[in-house]
Protein backbone atom coordinates (compact mmCIF):
# COMPACT_ATOMS: atom_id res chain seq x y z
CA GLN A 1 -97.68 -142.64 32.85
CA LEU A 2 -95.52 -145.69 32.12
CA GLN A 3 -98.47 -148.04 32.63
CA ARG A 4 -100.53 -146.04 30.12
CA ILE A 5 -97.75 -146.39 27.54
CA LYS A 6 -97.50 -150.14 28.20
CA GLU A 7 -101.26 -150.50 27.64
CA LYS A 8 -101.07 -148.54 24.39
CA CYS A 9 -97.93 -150.06 22.89
CA LEU A 10 -98.48 -153.80 22.84
CA THR A 11 -96.28 -156.33 21.08
CA ALA A 12 -97.68 -158.51 18.31
CA PHE A 13 -97.95 -161.41 20.77
CA GLU A 14 -100.02 -159.31 23.20
CA LEU A 15 -102.59 -158.17 20.63
CA SER A 16 -105.86 -160.04 20.22
CA GLN A 17 -105.38 -162.25 17.16
CA LYS A 18 -109.16 -162.47 16.71
CA LEU A 19 -109.20 -158.69 16.37
CA LEU A 20 -106.54 -158.93 13.65
CA VAL A 21 -108.63 -161.54 11.83
CA ASP A 22 -111.67 -159.25 12.13
CA MET A 23 -109.69 -156.41 10.56
CA ALA A 24 -108.55 -158.74 7.76
CA ILE A 25 -112.18 -159.71 7.16
CA ASP A 26 -113.14 -156.03 6.93
CA ARG A 27 -110.31 -155.37 4.45
CA SER A 28 -111.09 -158.42 2.33
CA TYR A 29 -114.05 -156.75 0.64
CA TYR A 30 -111.71 -154.16 -0.86
CA VAL A 31 -108.87 -156.52 -1.85
CA CYS A 32 -109.28 -158.14 -5.26
CA GLN A 33 -106.73 -160.86 -4.54
CA SER A 34 -105.59 -162.32 -1.27
CA GLN A 35 -103.85 -160.66 1.65
CA SER A 36 -101.16 -162.07 3.89
CA LEU A 37 -102.20 -162.39 7.51
CA ASN A 38 -99.54 -163.14 10.10
CA ILE A 39 -100.74 -164.75 13.31
CA HIS A 40 -98.59 -164.29 16.42
CA SER A 41 -99.08 -166.82 19.20
CA LYS A 42 -96.67 -167.53 22.04
CA GLU A 43 -97.75 -171.16 22.38
CA PRO A 44 -100.17 -172.12 19.60
CA THR A 45 -102.40 -175.13 20.14
CA PHE A 46 -104.29 -177.21 17.63
CA ARG A 47 -107.56 -176.05 19.15
CA GLN A 48 -106.67 -172.34 18.85
CA MET A 49 -105.54 -172.64 15.24
CA THR A 50 -108.57 -174.72 14.24
CA SER A 51 -110.92 -172.23 15.88
CA LEU A 52 -109.16 -169.31 14.19
CA HIS A 53 -109.30 -170.93 10.75
CA PHE A 54 -112.97 -171.86 11.04
CA TYR A 55 -113.81 -168.33 12.20
CA ALA A 56 -111.96 -166.86 9.21
CA TRP A 57 -113.57 -169.36 6.82
CA GLU A 58 -117.09 -168.71 8.14
CA ASN A 59 -116.55 -165.01 7.49
CA ALA A 60 -115.38 -165.60 3.89
CA LEU A 61 -111.73 -164.73 4.48
CA THR A 62 -109.76 -166.19 1.57
CA THR A 63 -106.43 -166.49 3.39
CA GLY A 64 -106.78 -167.85 6.90
CA MET A 65 -103.13 -167.44 7.79
CA TYR A 66 -100.00 -166.71 5.79
CA TYR A 67 -97.42 -167.18 8.56
CA LEU A 68 -97.67 -168.42 12.12
CA ARG A 69 -95.15 -166.59 14.29
CA THR A 70 -94.29 -168.14 17.63
CA ALA A 71 -92.27 -166.78 20.52
CA PRO A 72 -88.74 -168.13 20.83
CA ALA A 73 -88.39 -171.12 23.12
CA THR A 74 -85.60 -169.41 25.05
CA GLU A 75 -84.52 -165.86 25.58
CA ALA A 76 -80.94 -164.84 24.93
CA VAL A 77 -78.90 -164.34 28.07
CA LYS A 78 -77.23 -160.95 28.19
CA PHE A 79 -73.79 -161.04 29.73
CA THR A 80 -70.29 -159.66 29.20
CA VAL A 81 -66.96 -161.39 29.49
CA GLU A 82 -63.90 -159.57 30.71
CA GLY A 83 -60.82 -160.72 28.88
CA GLU A 84 -57.48 -159.64 27.58
CA LEU A 85 -57.27 -158.08 24.17
CA ASP A 86 -55.38 -160.11 21.61
CA VAL A 87 -52.17 -158.40 20.69
CA LYS A 88 -51.67 -158.51 16.95
CA LYS A 89 -48.34 -160.02 16.02
CA SER A 90 -46.53 -158.72 13.02
CA VAL A 91 -45.80 -161.24 10.27
CA VAL A 92 -42.31 -161.19 8.86
CA CYS A 93 -41.79 -162.92 5.55
CA THR A 94 -38.24 -163.95 4.76
CA ASP A 95 -38.88 -166.09 1.68
CA ASP A 96 -39.78 -164.91 -1.80
CA ILE A 97 -43.21 -166.47 -1.22
CA CYS A 98 -45.06 -165.51 1.93
CA ILE A 99 -46.61 -168.62 3.47
CA ALA A 100 -48.81 -166.68 5.91
CA CYS A 101 -50.76 -164.73 3.32
CA GLN A 102 -50.21 -167.04 0.32
CA SER A 103 -48.77 -164.34 -1.93
């Protein structure tokens, strides 16, 4: 069951970007201006991007790519730090002008 869900619910980086370009080409006949097309590639290469742009251009797509989204270079490390809570100290002002809060 879990495997079926994983196959159905893909991230943007796991989807076929050529399929997204094909869908943009299909929509372009009904759009009077341009449409923004975001391409998601984990590690884009010059060859991939050139091939994608030529494919879009050959199929009369007016906007080859609006944004290129890449995967982050590193993943955030999840960790917790055990520490003591800071005890708030009360501020006592003895002068007419409080230096701590500038009032």
